């Protein structure tokens, strides 16, 4: 697959990634994915498996642009680091996060909740779903959170997310 134009929007200090976009076709239709948190490797040009899965699914659905935003904009490599940062007083949500989610959802043709089982942290999943939904998802976890795309077979179709 050829990755077209892509890039992210970051805080001045680089600790937060507000959004990430990929042109994967003509760009005439856009799908928004809402994940849990951005990893740190994207600025090094590495394709993350979750992002690759989102792009692949978006292509399969016929979209020309992917927009990725997250419940938490704090950049870290795993949930443990996110939770530790929050416990030490860091604002792991980020000042621009809700505004960026709203904008991404508003300008997209479809919006997919994809934050996985940790979306209940700080009650963010519920808050985002209520404020910016409706969303679709690839099914839910046993705790009712929308499944993370990396662990969902390609044959699973999007369904309405009902938090």
C-alpha atoms as a PDB file:
ATOM      1  CA  UNK A   1       0.000   0.000   0.000  1.00  0.00           C
ATOM      2  CA  UNK A   2       1.256   3.462  -0.801  1.00  0.00           C
ATOM      3  CA  UNK A   3       1.006   5.985   1.966  1.00  0.00           C
ATOM      4  CA  UNK A   4       0.073   9.348   0.527  1.00  0.00           C
ATOM      5  CA  UNK A   5       0.327  12.680   2.237  1.00  0.00           C
ATOM      6  CA  UNK A   6       0.384  12.280   6.005  1.00  0.00           C
ATOM      7  CA  UNK A   7       1.214  14.233   9.106  1.00  0.00           C
ATOM      8  CA  UNK A   8       0.322  15.081  12.628  1.00  0.00           C
ATOM      9  CA  UNK A   9      -0.534  18.106  14.676  1.00  0.00           C
ATOM     10  CA  UNK A  10       1.570  18.341  17.841  1.00  0.00           C
ATOM     11  CA  UNK A  11       1.909  20.619  20.835  1.00  0.00           C
ATOM     12  CA  UNK A  12       4.878  22.996  20.707  1.00  0.00           C
ATOM     13  CA  UNK A  13       6.793  20.835  23.196  1.00  0.00           C
ATOM     14  CA  UNK A  14       5.964  17.598  21.354  1.00  0.00           C
ATOM     15  CA  UNK A  15       4.399  15.924  24.393  1.00  0.00           C
ATOM     16  CA  UNK A  16       0.918  15.851  22.843  1.00  0.00           C
ATOM     17  CA  UNK A  17      -0.299  14.775  19.443  1.00  0.00           C
ATOM     18  CA  UNK A  18      -3.656  16.381  18.733  1.00  0.00           C
ATOM     19  CA  UNK A  19      -4.432  14.578  15.482  1.00  0.00           C
ATOM     20  CA  UNK A  20      -2.890  12.534  12.698  1.00  0.00           C
ATOM     21  CA  UNK A  21      -4.053  12.316   9.094  1.00  0.00           C
ATOM     22  CA  UNK A  22      -3.308  10.132   6.089  1.00  0.00           C
ATOM     23  CA  UNK A  23      -4.446  10.625   2.521  1.00  0.00           C
ATOM     24  CA  UNK A  24      -4.970   7.062   1.299  1.00  0.00           C
ATOM     25  CA  UNK A  25      -6.868   7.819  -1.876  1.00  0.00           C
ATOM     26  CA  UNK A  26      -8.439  10.817  -3.520  1.00  0.00           C
ATOM     27  CA  UNK A  27      -9.352  12.336  -0.149  1.00  0.00           C
ATOM     28  CA  UNK A  28     -12.984  12.872  -1.119  1.00  0.00           C
ATOM     29  CA  UNK A  29     -14.318  10.872   1.841  1.00  0.00           C
ATOM     30  CA  UNK A  30     -12.951  10.873   5.364  1.00  0.00           C
ATOM     31  CA  UNK A  31     -13.194   8.430   8.235  1.00  0.00           C
ATOM     32  CA  UNK A  32     -12.292   9.429  11.788  1.00  0.00           C
ATOM     33  CA  UNK A  33     -10.920   6.875  14.235  1.00  0.00           C
ATOM     34  CA  UNK A  34     -10.839   7.702  17.952  1.00  0.00           C
ATOM     35  CA  UNK A  35      -8.121   5.707  19.696  1.00  0.00           C
ATOM     36  CA  UNK A  36      -6.814   5.645  23.251  1.00  0.00           C
ATOM     37  CA  UNK A  37      -3.503   7.552  23.062  1.00  0.00           C
ATOM     38  CA  UNK A  38      -0.809   8.312  20.487  1.00  0.00           C
ATOM     39  CA  UNK A  39       2.459   6.423  20.616  1.00  0.00           C
ATOM     40  CA  UNK A  40       5.823   8.157  20.478  1.00  0.00           C
ATOM     41  CA  UNK A  41       7.204   6.417  17.381  1.00  0.00           C
ATOM     42  CA  UNK A  42       5.105   8.167  14.743  1.00  0.00           C
ATOM     43  CA  UNK A  43       7.479  11.116  14.532  1.00  0.00           C
ATOM     44  CA  UNK A  44      10.302   8.700  13.692  1.00  0.00           C
ATOM     45  CA  UNK A  45       8.452   7.598  10.547  1.00  0.00           C
ATOM     46  CA  UNK A  46       7.581   4.132  11.810  1.00  0.00           C
ATOM     47  CA  UNK A  47       4.194   2.723  10.901  1.00  0.00           C
ATOM     48  CA  UNK A  48       2.459   1.497  14.013  1.00  0.00           C
ATOM     49  CA  UNK A  49       0.464  -1.743  13.666  1.00  0.00           C
ATOM     50  CA  UNK A  50      -2.751  -0.168  14.973  1.00  0.00           C
ATOM     51  CA  UNK A  51      -2.507   2.722  12.526  1.00  0.00           C
ATOM     52  CA  UNK A  52      -1.802   0.278   9.702  1.00  0.00           C
ATOM     53  CA  UNK A  53      -4.914  -1.715  10.640  1.00  0.00           C
ATOM     54  CA  UNK A  54      -7.023   1.464  10.689  1.00  0.00           C
ATOM     55  CA  UNK A  55      -5.698   2.469   7.271  1.00  0.00           C
ATOM     56  CA  UNK A  56      -6.338  -1.005   5.838  1.00  0.00           C
ATOM     57  CA  UNK A  57      -9.923  -1.029   7.131  1.00  0.00           C
ATOM     58  CA  UNK A  58     -10.487   2.495   5.851  1.00  0.00           C
ATOM     59  CA  UNK A  59      -9.300   1.477   2.389  1.00  0.00           C
ATOM     60  CA  UNK A  60     -11.572  -1.579   2.469  1.00  0.00           C
ATOM     61  CA  UNK A  61     -14.490   0.729   3.289  1.00  0.00           C
ATOM     62  CA  UNK A  62     -13.638   3.011   0.358  1.00  0.00           C
ATOM     63  CA  UNK A  63     -12.353   6.057   2.227  1.00  0.00           C
ATOM     64  CA  UNK A  64      -9.753   8.414   0.810  1.00  0.00           C
ATOM     65  CA  UNK A  65      -8.568  10.023   4.047  1.00  0.00           C
ATOM     66  CA  UNK A  66      -8.053   8.788   7.600  1.00  0.00           C
ATOM     67  CA  UNK A  67      -8.099  11.121  10.602  1.00  0.00           C
ATOM     68  CA  UNK A  68      -6.946   9.749  13.940  1.00  0.00           C
ATOM     69  CA  UNK A  69      -7.639  11.461  17.259  1.00  0.00           C
ATOM     70  CA  UNK A  70      -7.478   9.998  20.756  1.00  0.00           C
ATOM     71  CA  UNK A  71      -9.183  10.115  24.136  1.00  0.00           C
ATOM     72  CA  UNK A  72      -5.805  11.151  25.562  1.00  0.00           C
ATOM     73  CA  UNK A  73      -3.354  13.229  23.521  1.00  0.00           C
ATOM     74  CA  UNK A  74      -0.378  12.538  25.811  1.00  0.00           C
ATOM     75  CA  UNK A  75       2.230  10.653  23.756  1.00  0.00           C
ATOM     76  CA  UNK A  76       3.491   7.450  25.352  1.00  0.00           C
ATOM     77  CA  UNK A  77       4.203   3.887  24.331  1.00  0.00           C
ATOM     78  CA  UNK A  78       1.767   2.071  26.607  1.00  0.00           C
ATOM     79  CA  UNK A  79      -1.128   2.501  29.000  1.00  0.00           C
ATOM     80  CA  UNK A  80       1.080   1.997  32.067  1.00  0.00           C
ATOM     81  CA  UNK A  81       3.075   5.104  31.126  1.00  0.00           C
ATOM     82  CA  UNK A  82      -0.149   7.049  30.539  1.00  0.00           C
ATOM     83  CA  UNK A  83      -1.544   6.056  33.943  1.00  0.00           C
ATOM     84  CA  UNK A  84       1.766   6.889  35.658  1.00  0.00           C
ATOM     85  CA  UNK A  85       1.860  10.321  34.017  1.00  0.00           C
ATOM     86  CA  UNK A  86      -1.716  10.989  35.160  1.00  0.00           C
ATOM     87  CA  UNK A  87      -0.870   9.843  38.699  1.00  0.00           C
ATOM     88  CA  UNK A  88       2.071  12.270  38.786  1.00  0.00           C
ATOM     89  CA  UNK A  89      -0.206  15.183  37.887  1.00  0.00           C
ATOM     90  CA  UNK A  90       0.339  15.434  34.130  1.00  0.00           C
ATOM     91  CA  UNK A  91      -2.647  16.523  32.052  1.00  0.00           C
ATOM     92  CA  UNK A  92      -2.802  13.379  29.908  1.00  0.00           C
ATOM     93  CA  UNK A  93      -5.999  14.475  28.164  1.00  0.00           C
ATOM     94  CA  UNK A  94      -4.489  17.693  26.806  1.00  0.00           C
ATOM     95  CA  UNK A  95      -5.925  21.182  26.471  1.00  0.00           C
ATOM     96  CA  UNK A  96      -6.823  20.889  22.769  1.00  0.00           C
ATOM     97  CA  UNK A  97      -8.029  17.294  22.721  1.00  0.00           C
ATOM     98  CA  UNK A  98     -11.786  17.784  22.905  1.00  0.00           C
ATOM     99  CA  UNK A  99     -11.678  20.573  20.329  1.00  0.00           C
ATOM    100  CA  UNK A 100      -9.676  18.340  17.978  1.00  0.00           C
ATOM    101  CA  UNK A 101     -12.035  15.393  18.464  1.00  0.00           C
ATOM    102  CA  UNK A 102     -15.025  17.629  17.742  1.00  0.00           C
ATOM    103  CA  UNK A 103     -13.433  19.001  14.576  1.00  0.00           C
ATOM    104  CA  UNK A 104     -12.341  15.595  13.306  1.00  0.00           C
ATOM    105  CA  UNK A 105     -15.751  14.020  13.865  1.00  0.00           C
ATOM    106  CA  UNK A 106     -17.563  16.997  12.331  1.00  0.00           C
ATOM    107  CA  UNK A 107     -15.592  16.927   9.090  1.00  0.00           C
ATOM    108  CA  UNK A 108     -15.678  13.136   8.687  1.00  0.00           C
ATOM    109  CA  UNK A 109     -18.205  11.032   6.834  1.00  0.00           C
ATOM    110  CA  UNK A 110     -18.021   8.315   9.512  1.00  0.00           C
ATOM    111  CA  UNK A 111     -16.561   8.201  13.020  1.00  0.00           C
ATOM    112  CA  UNK A 112     -15.318   5.040  14.708  1.00  0.00           C
ATOM    113  CA  UNK A 113     -14.715   4.543  18.431  1.00  0.00           C
ATOM    114  CA  UNK A 114     -11.619   2.340  18.689  1.00  0.00           C
ATOM    115  CA  UNK A 115     -10.034   2.981  22.078  1.00  0.00           C
ATOM    116  CA  UNK A 116     -10.160  -0.536  23.515  1.00  0.00           C
ATOM    117  CA  UNK A 117     -10.665  -1.731  27.057  1.00  0.00           C
ATOM    118  CA  UNK A 118      -8.819   1.106  28.787  1.00  0.00           C
ATOM    119  CA  UNK A 119     -11.316   3.732  27.607  1.00  0.00           C
ATOM    120  CA  UNK A 120     -12.854   3.777  31.064  1.00  0.00           C
ATOM    121  CA  UNK A 121      -9.700   5.436  32.462  1.00  0.00           C
ATOM    122  CA  UNK A 122     -10.718   8.823  33.895  1.00  0.00           C
ATOM    123  CA  UNK A 123     -14.150   8.075  32.397  1.00  0.00           C
ATOM    124  CA  UNK A 124     -12.933   9.466  29.055  1.00  0.00           C
ATOM    125  CA  UNK A 125     -14.626   6.918  26.810  1.00  0.00           C
ATOM    126  CA  UNK A 126     -18.060   7.673  28.190  1.00  0.00           C
ATOM    127  CA  UNK A 127     -17.498  11.429  28.163  1.00  0.00           C
ATOM    128  CA  UNK A 128     -16.264  11.462  24.558  1.00  0.00           C
ATOM    129  CA  UNK A 129     -19.015   9.122  23.346  1.00  0.00           C
ATOM    130  CA  UNK A 130     -21.718  11.247  24.956  1.00  0.00           C
ATOM    131  CA  UNK A 131     -20.285  14.570  23.802  1.00  0.00           C
ATOM    132  CA  UNK A 132     -19.134  13.763  20.261  1.00  0.00           C
ATOM    133  CA  UNK A 133     -21.073  10.663  19.176  1.00  0.00           C
ATOM    134  CA  UNK A 134     -22.709   8.856  17.614  1.00  0.00           C
ATOM    135  CA  UNK A 135     -19.876   6.495  16.771  1.00  0.00           C
ATOM    136  CA  UNK A 136     -19.542   3.126  15.156  1.00  0.00           C
ATOM    137  CA  UNK A 137     -17.229   0.399  16.423  1.00  0.00           C
ATOM    138  CA  UNK A 138     -15.861  -3.067  15.670  1.00  0.00           C
ATOM    139  CA  UNK A 139     -17.762  -4.630  18.558  1.00  0.00           C
ATOM    140  CA  UNK A 140     -17.216  -4.114  22.258  1.00  0.00           C
ATOM    141  CA  UNK A 141     -15.099  -5.592  25.020  1.00  0.00           C
ATOM    142  CA  UNK A 142     -16.656  -7.430  27.962  1.00  0.00           C
ATOM    143  CA  UNK A 143     -16.628  -4.088  29.819  1.00  0.00           C
ATOM    144  CA  UNK A 144     -18.553  -2.388  26.991  1.00  0.00           C
ATOM    145  CA  UNK A 145     -15.662  -0.382  25.539  1.00  0.00           C
ATOM    146  CA  UNK A 146     -15.226  -0.311  21.728  1.00  0.00           C
ATOM    147  CA  UNK A 147     -12.699  -2.871  20.553  1.00  0.00           C
ATOM    148  CA  UNK A 148      -9.218  -1.832  19.448  1.00  0.00           C
ATOM    149  CA  UNK A 149      -8.822  -2.570  15.685  1.00  0.00           C
ATOM    150  CA  UNK A 150      -5.506  -4.390  15.971  1.00  0.00           C
ATOM    151  CA  UNK A 151      -7.166  -7.352  17.659  1.00  0.00           C
ATOM    152  CA  UNK A 152     -10.289  -7.616  15.493  1.00  0.00           C
ATOM    153  CA  UNK A 153     -10.473  -9.914  12.437  1.00  0.00           C
ATOM    154  CA  UNK A 154     -10.817  -8.103   9.109  1.00  0.00           C
ATOM    155  CA  UNK A 155     -14.206  -9.727   8.455  1.00  0.00           C
ATOM    156  CA  UNK A 156     -15.827  -7.948  11.432  1.00  0.00           C
ATOM    157  CA  UNK A 157     -18.057  -5.110  10.253  1.00  0.00           C
ATOM    158  CA  UNK A 158     -18.703  -1.757  11.869  1.00  0.00           C
ATOM    159  CA  UNK A 159     -21.775  -1.547  14.085  1.00  0.00           C
ATOM    160  CA  UNK A 160     -23.280   1.349  16.067  1.00  0.00           C
ATOM    161  CA  UNK A 161     -21.445   1.981  19.335  1.00  0.00           C
ATOM    162  CA  UNK A 162     -23.925   2.136  22.184  1.00  0.00           C
ATOM    163  CA  UNK A 163     -22.055   3.125  25.368  1.00  0.00           C
END
